[in-house]
Amino acid sequence: MWNAQVAQPLKSIEDQYDPFLPYLNRNGVVLTSPKNVGSRFKSNISQRTKIERGLHIRRRNKVILGILLVLAVVLVGFVVWAETPPAPMPEAYDALKSDSSVTVSTGSWLVFSPVSSSASTGFIIYSGGRVDFRSYAPLAHAVAAEGYLVVIPKMPLNLAVFGADTANDIIKSYPQVSSWAIGGHSLGGTMAAQFAYENPTKIKGLVLWTAYPASGIDLSKSNLLVTTIHGSNDGLVSTSQIESSLKLLPPSTLRVEIAGGNHAQFGWYGDQAGDNAATITRETQQNLTVAATVQLLQKL
C-alpha cells in the first residue's frame, strides 16, 4: 500500500522547477499517491504558464510603450518645427496696414479689400510650406489695390496640405464675389491646384507661383484659366519640373519665367535653404508676379 502520509514540499530552490520533487524524500522514495502527484503537477504547470504569460505581456507592453514614446517625441518635434517658420520681413508687416487703396483685416484669414469698389472677383492665396502666411501680405496688398478681393488663410501647422479645403469656407463667406481664382506658392500652389481640380464649379482661375500640380491632378482638359510663374534661378523647383508639369495643365496655360528670380522672393520671409541667389531684387520679382497675376484675374 501507499504511505498515506503526505510529504511537505521541500524548501529547496528545485521545488520551483520540478513538480515531482515535493513528493519525494531525499532518497527518491515516493511519499504520496500518484493521483495527488498528477493533480499537483497540473497545478504547477498551470501556474508556470500564467507566470510566463504575464512576463510576455509585460515585455510586450514595454515595447509598445517605447514605440509610443518615440512617436510622441517625433510628433512633438514635427509640430515645433512646423509652427516656427521664418519670421516675415518688415515689409510684410507694413503691408498688413490699411491705406487709402486697401482695407486690411487680420485674424485667421488676412483679407485685403479694395476701397474704391466692391470687388466681384476674388483671389485666394495658399502660402508655401512652413511659411508664415503674413509673408505674402505685400503681394496680396498690391493685387487688392487693382480692385480684387484677396484672402490668405492661415494653414494648420503652416502647411496647406492640412487645409486644402479652406477655400470652401472663404467662398461661402463672400457670396457677393461671383468669380474666384486660387493660387499659391510652392506647396501652397500644389494644394491650390488640387482644390481647383476637386471644385471645378467654384474656381475659374489658377495661379501657380513656382508650383505645379501633383501627379494625380490632371487639369489638362479643364476650362480653367491658368498662369504658372517661375524664377529662372529657383533652387528648389527646377525649370524642367515646371516644363514637365505643363502636360497636367490646360493647353492655354500662360507660362511666365522671371529671369533672375528665385524661390524665396515670391514671399517676404528672407532667404531659404537650398535656394539659389536671385540676380534681381525682391521688389522687381514681386512686381512681375503681381502683373502676371492681375493679368489672369482681368480675364475672369
C-alpha atoms as a PDB file:
ATOM      1  CA  MET A   1       0.000   0.000   0.000  1.00  0.00           C
ATOM      2  CA  TRP A   2       0.977   3.551  -0.493  1.00  0.00           C
ATOM      3  CA  ASN A   3       2.020   5.526   2.503  1.00  0.00           C
ATOM      4  CA  ALA A   4      -0.965   7.653   3.490  1.00  0.00           C
ATOM      5  CA  GLN A   5       1.312  10.369   4.849  1.00  0.00           C
ATOM      6  CA  VAL A   6       1.635  13.380   2.532  1.00  0.00           C
ATOM      7  CA  ALA A   7       5.108  14.847   2.447  1.00  0.00           C
ATOM      8  CA  GLN A   8       5.606  18.544   2.993  1.00  0.00           C
ATOM      9  CA  PRO A   9       7.055  20.326  -0.057  1.00  0.00           C
ATOM     10  CA  LEU A  10      10.800  20.646   0.024  1.00  0.00           C
ATOM     11  CA  LYS A  11      12.113  24.145   0.624  1.00  0.00           C
ATOM     12  CA  SER A  12      14.974  23.885  -1.840  1.00  0.00           C
ATOM     13  CA  ILE A  13      15.021  26.017  -4.993  1.00  0.00           C
ATOM     14  CA  GLU A  14      14.440  22.903  -7.127  1.00  0.00           C
ATOM     15  CA  ASP A  15      10.825  22.961  -5.917  1.00  0.00           C
ATOM     16  CA  GLN A  16      10.175  25.856  -8.302  1.00  0.00           C
ATOM     17  CA  TYR A  17      11.139  23.866 -11.361  1.00  0.00           C
ATOM     18  CA  ASP A  18      10.423  20.131 -10.823  1.00  0.00           C
ATOM     19  CA  PRO A  19       6.798  19.372  -9.862  1.00  0.00           C
ATOM     20  CA  PHE A  20       7.686  15.877  -8.634  1.00  0.00           C
ATOM     21  CA  LEU A  21      10.324  16.886  -6.076  1.00  0.00           C
ATOM     22  CA  PRO A  22       7.871  17.888  -3.308  1.00  0.00           C
ATOM     23  CA  TYR A  23       6.574  14.307  -3.243  1.00  0.00           C
ATOM     24  CA  LEU A  24       9.945  12.520  -2.929  1.00  0.00           C
ATOM     25  CA  ASN A  25      12.126  12.240   0.084  1.00  0.00           C
ATOM     26  CA  ARG A  26      15.853  12.803  -0.057  1.00  0.00           C
ATOM     27  CA  ASN A  27      16.371   9.177  -1.163  1.00  0.00           C
ATOM     28  CA  GLY A  28      13.898   9.471  -4.053  1.00  0.00           C
ATOM     29  CA  VAL A  29      11.175   7.413  -2.350  1.00  0.00           C
ATOM     30  CA  VAL A  30       7.596   8.411  -3.259  1.00  0.00           C
ATOM     31  CA  LEU A  31       5.795   9.707  -0.185  1.00  0.00           C
ATOM     32  CA  THR A  32       2.327  10.311  -1.634  1.00  0.00           C
ATOM     33  CA  SER A  33      -0.085   8.746  -4.104  1.00  0.00           C
ATOM     34  CA  PRO A  34       0.249   9.144  -7.908  1.00  0.00           C
ATOM     35  CA  LYS A  35      -3.184  10.784  -8.089  1.00  0.00           C
ATOM     36  CA  ASN A  36      -2.069  13.614  -5.824  1.00  0.00           C
ATOM     37  CA  VAL A  37       1.188  13.916  -7.755  1.00  0.00           C
ATOM     38  CA  GLY A  38      -0.695  14.345 -11.041  1.00  0.00           C
ATOM     39  CA  SER A  39      -3.019  16.936  -9.606  1.00  0.00           C
ATOM     40  CA  ARG A  40      -0.232  18.990  -8.099  1.00  0.00           C
ATOM     41  CA  PHE A  41       1.793  18.589 -11.327  1.00  0.00           C
ATOM     42  CA  LYS A  42      -1.013  20.082 -13.393  1.00  0.00           C
ATOM     43  CA  SER A  43      -1.424  22.889 -10.887  1.00  0.00           C
ATOM     44  CA  ASN A  44       2.271  23.751 -11.045  1.00  0.00           C
ATOM     45  CA  ILE A  45       2.299  23.657 -14.851  1.00  0.00           C
ATOM     46  CA  SER A  46      -0.717  25.992 -14.938  1.00  0.00           C
ATOM     47  CA  GLN A  47       0.957  28.362 -12.503  1.00  0.00           C
ATOM     48  CA  ARG A  48       4.172  28.404 -14.535  1.00  0.00           C
ATOM     49  CA  THR A  49       2.162  29.086 -17.718  1.00  0.00           C
ATOM     50  CA  LYS A  50       0.432  32.036 -16.074  1.00  0.00           C
ATOM     51  CA  ILE A  51       3.761  33.444 -14.912  1.00  0.00           C
ATOM     52  CA  GLU A  52       5.297  33.070 -18.367  1.00  0.00           C
ATOM     53  CA  ARG A  53       2.248  34.665 -19.973  1.00  0.00           C
ATOM     54  CA  GLY A  54       2.445  37.568 -17.540  1.00  0.00           C
ATOM     55  CA  LEU A  55       6.133  38.084 -18.315  1.00  0.00           C
ATOM     56  CA  HIS A  56       5.373  38.020 -22.041  1.00  0.00           C
ATOM     57  CA  ILE A  57       2.609  40.615 -21.629  1.00  0.00           C
ATOM     58  CA  ARG A  58       4.890  42.874 -19.578  1.00  0.00           C
ATOM     59  CA  ARG A  59       7.643  42.628 -22.207  1.00  0.00           C
ATOM     60  CA  ARG A  60       5.136  43.380 -24.971  1.00  0.00           C
ATOM     61  CA  ASN A  61       3.765  46.369 -23.069  1.00  0.00           C
ATOM     62  CA  LYS A  62       7.261  47.749 -22.582  1.00  0.00           C
ATOM     63  CA  VAL A  63       7.915  47.501 -26.333  1.00  0.00           C
ATOM     64  CA  ILE A  64       4.602  49.217 -27.150  1.00  0.00           C
ATOM     65  CA  LEU A  65       5.294  51.941 -24.604  1.00  0.00           C
ATOM     66  CA  GLY A  66       8.742  52.509 -26.097  1.00  0.00           C
ATOM     67  CA  ILE A  67       7.293  52.824 -29.593  1.00  0.00           C
ATOM     68  CA  LEU A  68       4.630  55.265 -28.377  1.00  0.00           C
ATOM     69  CA  LEU A  69       7.244  57.388 -26.647  1.00  0.00           C
ATOM     70  CA  VAL A  70       9.348  57.557 -29.807  1.00  0.00           C
ATOM     71  CA  LEU A  71       6.295  58.508 -31.874  1.00  0.00           C
ATOM     72  CA  ALA A  72       5.358  61.172 -29.331  1.00  0.00           C
ATOM     73  CA  VAL A  73       8.832  62.700 -29.489  1.00  0.00           C
ATOM     74  CA  VAL A  74       8.756  62.691 -33.302  1.00  0.00           C
ATOM     75  CA  LEU A  75       5.271  64.242 -33.347  1.00  0.00           C
ATOM     76  CA  VAL A  76       6.202  66.976 -30.891  1.00  0.00           C
ATOM     77  CA  GLY A  77       9.364  67.703 -32.860  1.00  0.00           C
ATOM     78  CA  PHE A  78       7.377  67.950 -36.106  1.00  0.00           C
ATOM     79  CA  VAL A  79       4.820  70.311 -34.581  1.00  0.00           C
ATOM     80  CA  VAL A  80       7.534  72.549 -33.129  1.00  0.00           C
ATOM     81  CA  TRP A  81       9.322  72.599 -36.493  1.00  0.00           C
ATOM     82  CA  ALA A  82       6.133  73.411 -38.439  1.00  0.00           C
ATOM     83  CA  GLU A  83       4.981  76.086 -36.023  1.00  0.00           C
ATOM     84  CA  THR A  84       8.270  78.005 -36.076  1.00  0.00           C
ATOM     85  CA  PRO A  85       8.589  79.254 -39.679  1.00  0.00           C
ATOM     86  CA  PRO A  86      10.917  82.107 -40.629  1.00  0.00           C
ATOM     87  CA  ALA A  87       9.607  85.441 -39.421  1.00  0.00           C
ATOM     88  CA  PRO A  88       8.067  87.762 -42.019  1.00  0.00           C
ATOM     89  CA  MET A  89      10.237  90.653 -43.125  1.00  0.00           C
ATOM     90  CA  PRO A  90       9.362  94.237 -42.023  1.00  0.00           C
ATOM     91  CA  GLU A  91       7.802  94.925 -45.436  1.00  0.00           C
ATOM     92  CA  ALA A  92       5.269  92.168 -44.763  1.00  0.00           C
ATOM     93  CA  TYR A  93       4.140  93.782 -41.524  1.00  0.00           C
ATOM     94  CA  ASP A  94       3.834  97.153 -43.261  1.00  0.00           C
ATOM     95  CA  ALA A  95       1.527  95.610 -45.870  1.00  0.00           C
ATOM     96  CA  LEU A  96      -0.860  94.481 -43.121  1.00  0.00           C
ATOM     97  CA  LYS A  97      -1.880  98.104 -42.537  1.00  0.00           C
ATOM     98  CA  SER A  98      -4.866  99.612 -44.292  1.00  0.00           C
ATOM     99  CA  ASP A  99      -4.301 102.614 -46.546  1.00  0.00           C
ATOM    100  CA  SER A 100      -6.256 104.787 -48.966  1.00  0.00           C
ATOM    101  CA  SER A 101      -6.441 101.971 -51.547  1.00  0.00           C
ATOM    102  CA  VAL A 102      -6.866  98.777 -49.496  1.00  0.00           C
ATOM    103  CA  THR A 103      -8.597  97.854 -46.260  1.00  0.00           C
ATOM    104  CA  VAL A 104      -6.862  95.054 -44.381  1.00  0.00           C
ATOM    105  CA  SER A 105      -8.435  92.851 -41.734  1.00  0.00           C
ATOM    106  CA  THR A 106      -6.372  90.328 -39.811  1.00  0.00           C
ATOM    107  CA  GLY A 107      -7.118  87.136 -37.949  1.00  0.00           C
ATOM    108  CA  SER A 108      -7.112  83.514 -39.063  1.00  0.00           C
ATOM    109  CA  TRP A 109      -7.615  84.987 -42.546  1.00  0.00           C
ATOM    110  CA  LEU A 110      -5.844  88.027 -43.916  1.00  0.00           C
ATOM    111  CA  VAL A 111      -8.415  89.892 -46.025  1.00  0.00           C
ATOM    112  CA  PHE A 112      -7.434  92.665 -48.422  1.00  0.00           C
ATOM    113  CA  SER A 113     -10.386  94.617 -49.836  1.00  0.00           C
ATOM    114  CA  PRO A 114     -10.175  97.416 -52.391  1.00  0.00           C
ATOM    115  CA  VAL A 115     -11.514 100.709 -51.038  1.00  0.00           C
ATOM    116  CA  SER A 116     -12.688 102.149 -54.335  1.00  0.00           C
ATOM    117  CA  SER A 117     -15.190  99.437 -55.275  1.00  0.00           C
ATOM    118  CA  SER A 118     -16.961  96.282 -54.174  1.00  0.00           C
ATOM    119  CA  ALA A 119     -14.921  93.503 -55.714  1.00  0.00           C
ATOM    120  CA  SER A 120     -16.775  90.934 -57.823  1.00  0.00           C
ATOM    121  CA  THR A 121     -13.638  88.851 -58.351  1.00  0.00           C
ATOM    122  CA  GLY A 122     -11.745  87.205 -55.532  1.00  0.00           C
ATOM    123  CA  PHE A 123      -8.298  85.635 -55.258  1.00  0.00           C
ATOM    124  CA  ILE A 124      -7.346  83.096 -52.590  1.00  0.00           C
ATOM    125  CA  ILE A 125      -3.664  82.577 -51.773  1.00  0.00           C
ATOM    126  CA  TYR A 126      -2.312  79.383 -50.196  1.00  0.00           C
ATOM    127  CA  SER A 127       1.044  80.018 -48.558  1.00  0.00           C
ATOM    128  CA  GLY A 128       4.142  77.909 -49.120  1.00  0.00           C
ATOM    129  CA  GLY A 129       5.119  75.039 -46.845  1.00  0.00           C
ATOM    130  CA  ARG A 130       6.265  76.222 -43.416  1.00  0.00           C
ATOM    131  CA  VAL A 131       5.971  79.863 -44.429  1.00  0.00           C
ATOM    132  CA  ASP A 132       4.158  82.386 -42.253  1.00  0.00           C
ATOM    133  CA  PHE A 133       1.048  83.442 -44.163  1.00  0.00           C
ATOM    134  CA  ARG A 134       1.779  87.092 -43.401  1.00  0.00           C
ATOM    135  CA  SER A 135       4.841  86.837 -45.629  1.00  0.00           C
ATOM    136  CA  TYR A 136       2.573  87.192 -48.677  1.00  0.00           C
ATOM    137  CA  ALA A 137       0.874  90.366 -47.449  1.00  0.00           C
ATOM    138  CA  PRO A 138       2.783  92.753 -49.789  1.00  0.00           C
ATOM    139  CA  LEU A 139       1.804  90.736 -52.845  1.00  0.00           C
ATOM    140  CA  ALA A 140      -1.817  90.426 -51.689  1.00  0.00           C
ATOM    141  CA  HIS A 141      -1.983  94.146 -50.891  1.00  0.00           C
ATOM    142  CA  ALA A 142      -0.729  95.031 -54.372  1.00  0.00           C
ATOM    143  CA  VAL A 143      -3.256  92.735 -56.094  1.00  0.00           C
ATOM    144  CA  ALA A 144      -6.113  94.117 -53.981  1.00  0.00           C
ATOM    145  CA  ALA A 145      -5.140  97.666 -54.969  1.00  0.00           C
ATOM    146  CA  GLU A 146      -6.025  96.676 -58.535  1.00  0.00           C
ATOM    147  CA  GLY A 147      -9.640  96.078 -57.495  1.00  0.00           C
ATOM    148  CA  TYR A 148      -9.754  92.471 -56.300  1.00  0.00           C
ATOM    149  CA  LEU A 149     -10.670  90.864 -53.006  1.00  0.00           C
ATOM    150  CA  VAL A 150      -7.666  88.861 -51.782  1.00  0.00           C
ATOM    151  CA  VAL A 151      -7.749  86.373 -48.901  1.00  0.00           C
ATOM    152  CA  ILE A 152      -4.812  84.499 -47.339  1.00  0.00           C
ATOM    153  CA  PRO A 153      -5.884  81.833 -44.838  1.00  0.00           C
ATOM    154  CA  LYS A 154      -3.611  80.650 -42.073  1.00  0.00           C
ATOM    155  CA  MET A 155      -2.976  76.962 -42.638  1.00  0.00           C
ATOM    156  CA  PRO A 156      -2.811  74.316 -39.889  1.00  0.00           C
ATOM    157  CA  LEU A 157       0.843  73.868 -38.916  1.00  0.00           C
ATOM    158  CA  ASN A 158       1.689  76.346 -41.723  1.00  0.00           C
ATOM    159  CA  LEU A 159       1.205  73.530 -44.246  1.00  0.00           C
ATOM    160  CA  ALA A 160      -1.504  73.839 -46.905  1.00  0.00           C
ATOM    161  CA  VAL A 161      -1.684  70.055 -47.194  1.00  0.00           C
ATOM    162  CA  PHE A 162      -3.614  70.103 -43.887  1.00  0.00           C
ATOM    163  CA  GLY A 163      -6.034  72.787 -45.070  1.00  0.00           C
ATOM    164  CA  ALA A 164      -6.558  72.188 -48.771  1.00  0.00           C
ATOM    165  CA  ASP A 165     -10.327  72.729 -48.492  1.00  0.00           C
ATOM    166  CA  THR A 166     -10.092  76.037 -46.631  1.00  0.00           C
ATOM    167  CA  ALA A 167     -11.117  77.882 -49.795  1.00  0.00           C
ATOM    168  CA  ASN A 168     -14.627  76.463 -49.401  1.00  0.00           C
ATOM    169  CA  ASP A 169     -15.172  78.466 -46.221  1.00  0.00           C
ATOM    170  CA  ILE A 170     -13.769  81.604 -47.815  1.00  0.00           C
ATOM    171  CA  ILE A 171     -16.029  81.327 -50.864  1.00  0.00           C
ATOM    172  CA  LYS A 172     -19.090  80.821 -48.652  1.00  0.00           C
ATOM    173  CA  SER A 173     -18.193  83.904 -46.620  1.00  0.00           C
ATOM    174  CA  TYR A 174     -18.250  86.229 -49.644  1.00  0.00           C
ATOM    175  CA  PRO A 175     -21.411  85.476 -51.638  1.00  0.00           C
ATOM    176  CA  GLN A 176     -21.125  88.855 -53.406  1.00  0.00           C
ATOM    177  CA  VAL A 177     -17.996  87.602 -55.217  1.00  0.00           C
ATOM    178  CA  SER A 178     -19.080  85.963 -58.464  1.00  0.00           C
ATOM    179  CA  SER A 179     -15.706  84.812 -59.796  1.00  0.00           C
ATOM    180  CA  TRP A 180     -12.912  83.158 -57.877  1.00  0.00           C
ATOM    181  CA  ALA A 181      -9.326  82.346 -58.657  1.00  0.00           C
ATOM    182  CA  ILE A 182      -6.997  80.448 -56.381  1.00  0.00           C
ATOM    183  CA  GLY A 183      -3.233  80.314 -56.296  1.00  0.00           C
ATOM    184  CA  GLY A 184      -0.285  79.619 -54.119  1.00  0.00           C
ATOM    185  CA  HIS A 185       3.436  79.427 -53.648  1.00  0.00           C
ATOM    186  CA  SER A 186       5.301  76.122 -53.821  1.00  0.00           C
ATOM    187  CA  LEU A 187       3.374  73.555 -51.703  1.00  0.00           C
ATOM    188  CA  GLY A 188       0.553  76.079 -51.457  1.00  0.00           C
ATOM    189  CA  GLY A 189       0.301  76.154 -55.238  1.00  0.00           C
ATOM    190  CA  THR A 190       0.138  72.371 -55.399  1.00  0.00           C
ATOM    191  CA  MET A 191      -2.744  72.313 -52.933  1.00  0.00           C
ATOM    192  CA  ALA A 192      -4.450  75.200 -54.748  1.00  0.00           C
ATOM    193  CA  ALA A 193      -4.325  73.110 -57.932  1.00  0.00           C
ATOM    194  CA  GLN A 194      -5.872  70.212 -56.037  1.00  0.00           C
ATOM    195  CA  PHE A 195      -8.715  72.409 -54.791  1.00  0.00           C
ATOM    196  CA  ALA A 196      -9.365  73.714 -58.306  1.00  0.00           C
ATOM    197  CA  TYR A 197      -9.400  70.131 -59.605  1.00  0.00           C
ATOM    198  CA  GLU A 198     -11.871  68.974 -56.961  1.00  0.00           C
ATOM    199  CA  ASN A 199     -14.103  72.050 -57.209  1.00  0.00           C
ATOM    200  CA  PRO A 200     -14.379  72.892 -60.904  1.00  0.00           C
ATOM    201  CA  THR A 201     -17.651  74.800 -60.491  1.00  0.00           C
ATOM    202  CA  LYS A 202     -16.231  77.143 -57.857  1.00  0.00           C
ATOM    203  CA  ILE A 203     -12.898  78.140 -59.370  1.00  0.00           C
ATOM    204  CA  LYS A 204     -12.342  79.858 -62.711  1.00  0.00           C
ATOM    205  CA  GLY A 205      -8.648  80.671 -62.481  1.00  0.00           C
ATOM    206  CA  LEU A 206      -5.441  79.178 -61.092  1.00  0.00           C
ATOM    207  CA  VAL A 207      -2.135  80.958 -60.472  1.00  0.00           C
ATOM    208  CA  LEU A 208       0.933  78.896 -59.644  1.00  0.00           C
ATOM    209  CA  TRP A 209       3.952  80.629 -58.141  1.00  0.00           C
ATOM    210  CA  THR A 210       6.870  78.237 -58.651  1.00  0.00           C
ATOM    211  CA  ALA A 211       4.493  75.319 -58.197  1.00  0.00           C
ATOM    212  CA  TYR A 212       2.838  72.547 -60.169  1.00  0.00           C
ATOM    213  CA  PRO A 213       0.001  70.036 -59.687  1.00  0.00           C
ATOM    214  CA  ALA A 214       0.600  66.678 -58.038  1.00  0.00           C
ATOM    215  CA  SER A 215       0.898  63.768 -60.465  1.00  0.00           C
ATOM    216  CA  GLY A 216      -2.710  62.640 -59.979  1.00  0.00           C
ATOM    217  CA  ILE A 217      -4.181  66.106 -60.575  1.00  0.00           C
ATOM    218  CA  ASP A 218      -4.798  66.341 -64.318  1.00  0.00           C
ATOM    219  CA  LEU A 219      -6.265  69.717 -65.298  1.00  0.00           C
ATOM    220  CA  SER A 220      -5.355  69.420 -68.965  1.00  0.00           C
ATOM    221  CA  LYS A 221      -8.989  69.110 -70.066  1.00  0.00           C
ATOM    222  CA  SER A 222     -10.450  71.695 -67.707  1.00  0.00           C
ATOM    223  CA  ASN A 223     -11.732  75.137 -68.641  1.00  0.00           C
ATOM    224  CA  LEU A 224      -9.544  76.831 -66.058  1.00  0.00           C
ATOM    225  CA  LEU A 225      -7.523  79.893 -66.910  1.00  0.00           C
ATOM    226  CA  VAL A 226      -4.048  79.088 -65.633  1.00  0.00           C
ATOM    227  CA  THR A 227      -0.860  81.079 -65.265  1.00  0.00           C
ATOM    228  CA  THR A 228       2.322  79.447 -63.988  1.00  0.00           C
ATOM    229  CA  ILE A 229       5.104  81.783 -62.830  1.00  0.00           C
ATOM    230  CA  HIS A 230       8.630  80.591 -62.124  1.00  0.00           C
ATOM    231  CA  GLY A 231      12.009  82.156 -61.399  1.00  0.00           C
ATOM    232  CA  SER A 232      14.937  81.102 -63.583  1.00  0.00           C
ATOM    233  CA  ASN A 233      17.236  80.927 -60.529  1.00  0.00           C
ATOM    234  CA  ASP A 234      14.900  78.824 -58.403  1.00  0.00           C
ATOM    235  CA  GLY A 235      16.969  76.295 -56.480  1.00  0.00           C
ATOM    236  CA  LEU A 236      14.038  74.260 -55.139  1.00  0.00           C
ATOM    237  CA  VAL A 237      11.777  73.857 -58.175  1.00  0.00           C
ATOM    238  CA  SER A 238      13.663  73.388 -61.431  1.00  0.00           C
ATOM    239  CA  THR A 239      12.707  74.692 -64.844  1.00  0.00           C
ATOM    240  CA  SER A 240      12.443  71.096 -66.078  1.00  0.00           C
ATOM    241  CA  GLN A 241       9.891  70.326 -63.364  1.00  0.00           C
ATOM    242  CA  ILE A 242       7.783  73.276 -64.450  1.00  0.00           C
ATOM    243  CA  GLU A 243       8.038  72.209 -68.084  1.00  0.00           C
ATOM    244  CA  SER A 244       7.105  68.631 -67.255  1.00  0.00           C
ATOM    245  CA  SER A 245       4.055  69.809 -65.318  1.00  0.00           C
ATOM    246  CA  LEU A 246       2.578  71.608 -68.327  1.00  0.00           C
ATOM    247  CA  LYS A 247       1.033  68.356 -69.548  1.00  0.00           C
ATOM    248  CA  LEU A 248      -1.183  68.424 -66.443  1.00  0.00           C
ATOM    249  CA  LEU A 249      -2.404  71.951 -67.238  1.00  0.00           C
ATOM    250  CA  PRO A 250      -4.751  73.256 -69.963  1.00  0.00           C
ATOM    251  CA  PRO A 251      -3.148  73.925 -73.379  1.00  0.00           C
ATOM    252  CA  SER A 252      -3.982  77.628 -72.949  1.00  0.00           C
ATOM    253  CA  THR A 253      -1.815  77.894 -69.815  1.00  0.00           C
ATOM    254  CA  LEU A 254       0.347  81.012 -69.793  1.00  0.00           C
ATOM    255  CA  ARG A 255       3.873  80.328 -68.631  1.00  0.00           C
ATOM    256  CA  VAL A 256       5.877  83.239 -67.226  1.00  0.00           C
ATOM    257  CA  GLU A 257       9.557  82.862 -66.369  1.00  0.00           C
ATOM    258  CA  ILE A 258      11.075  85.636 -64.307  1.00  0.00           C
ATOM    259  CA  ALA A 259      14.696  85.992 -65.368  1.00  0.00           C
ATOM    260  CA  GLY A 260      16.924  86.122 -62.309  1.00  0.00           C
ATOM    261  CA  GLY A 261      14.096  85.336 -59.875  1.00  0.00           C
ATOM    262  CA  ASN A 262      14.376  82.595 -57.270  1.00  0.00           C
ATOM    263  CA  HIS A 263      12.104  80.608 -54.948  1.00  0.00           C
ATOM    264  CA  ALA A 264      12.031  82.715 -51.782  1.00  0.00           C
ATOM    265  CA  GLN A 265      11.381  86.080 -53.409  1.00  0.00           C
ATOM    266  CA  PHE A 266       7.761  85.167 -54.113  1.00  0.00           C
ATOM    267  CA  GLY A 267       7.287  85.953 -50.433  1.00  0.00           C
ATOM    268  CA  TRP A 268       8.788  88.226 -47.814  1.00  0.00           C
ATOM    269  CA  TYR A 269      10.446  85.862 -45.356  1.00  0.00           C
ATOM    270  CA  GLY A 270      14.128  86.147 -46.245  1.00  0.00           C
ATOM    271  CA  ASP A 271      16.340  83.580 -47.882  1.00  0.00           C
ATOM    272  CA  GLN A 272      15.522  79.880 -47.985  1.00  0.00           C
ATOM    273  CA  ALA A 273      17.839  76.921 -47.519  1.00  0.00           C
ATOM    274  CA  GLY A 274      18.601  75.171 -50.801  1.00  0.00           C
ATOM    275  CA  ASP A 275      17.540  78.119 -52.929  1.00  0.00           C
ATOM    276  CA  ASN A 276      19.826  79.873 -55.409  1.00  0.00           C
ATOM    277  CA  ALA A 277      20.677  83.541 -55.164  1.00  0.00           C
ATOM    278  CA  ALA A 278      18.462  85.849 -57.185  1.00  0.00           C
ATOM    279  CA  THR A 279      20.026  88.326 -59.594  1.00  0.00           C
ATOM    280  CA  ILE A 280      17.072  90.713 -59.377  1.00  0.00           C
ATOM    281  CA  THR A 281      15.635  92.464 -56.348  1.00  0.00           C
ATOM    282  CA  ARG A 282      12.710  91.111 -54.373  1.00  0.00           C
ATOM    283  CA  GLU A 283      10.701  94.202 -55.342  1.00  0.00           C
ATOM    284  CA  THR A 284      11.260  93.542 -59.050  1.00  0.00           C
ATOM    285  CA  GLN A 285      10.253  89.892 -58.752  1.00  0.00           C
ATOM    286  CA  GLN A 286       7.167  90.848 -56.755  1.00  0.00           C
ATOM    287  CA  ASN A 287       6.105  93.473 -59.297  1.00  0.00           C
ATOM    288  CA  LEU A 288       6.402  90.996 -62.151  1.00  0.00           C
ATOM    289  CA  THR A 289       4.445  88.414 -60.160  1.00  0.00           C
ATOM    290  CA  VAL A 290       1.670  90.894 -59.391  1.00  0.00           C
ATOM    291  CA  ALA A 291       1.435  91.946 -63.043  1.00  0.00           C
ATOM    292  CA  ALA A 292       1.102  88.359 -64.298  1.00  0.00           C
ATOM    293  CA  THR A 293      -1.408  87.501 -61.568  1.00  0.00           C
ATOM    294  CA  VAL A 294      -3.585  90.542 -62.260  1.00  0.00           C
ATOM    295  CA  GLN A 295      -3.475  89.773 -65.975  1.00  0.00           C
ATOM    296  CA  LEU A 296      -5.206  86.455 -65.274  1.00  0.00           C
ATOM    297  CA  LEU A 297      -7.741  87.993 -62.870  1.00  0.00           C
ATOM    298  CA  GLN A 298      -8.744  90.520 -65.514  1.00  0.00           C
ATOM    299  CA  LYS A 299      -9.867  87.667 -67.778  1.00  0.00           C
ATOM    300  CA  LEU A 300     -12.294  86.118 -65.283  1.00  0.00           C
END
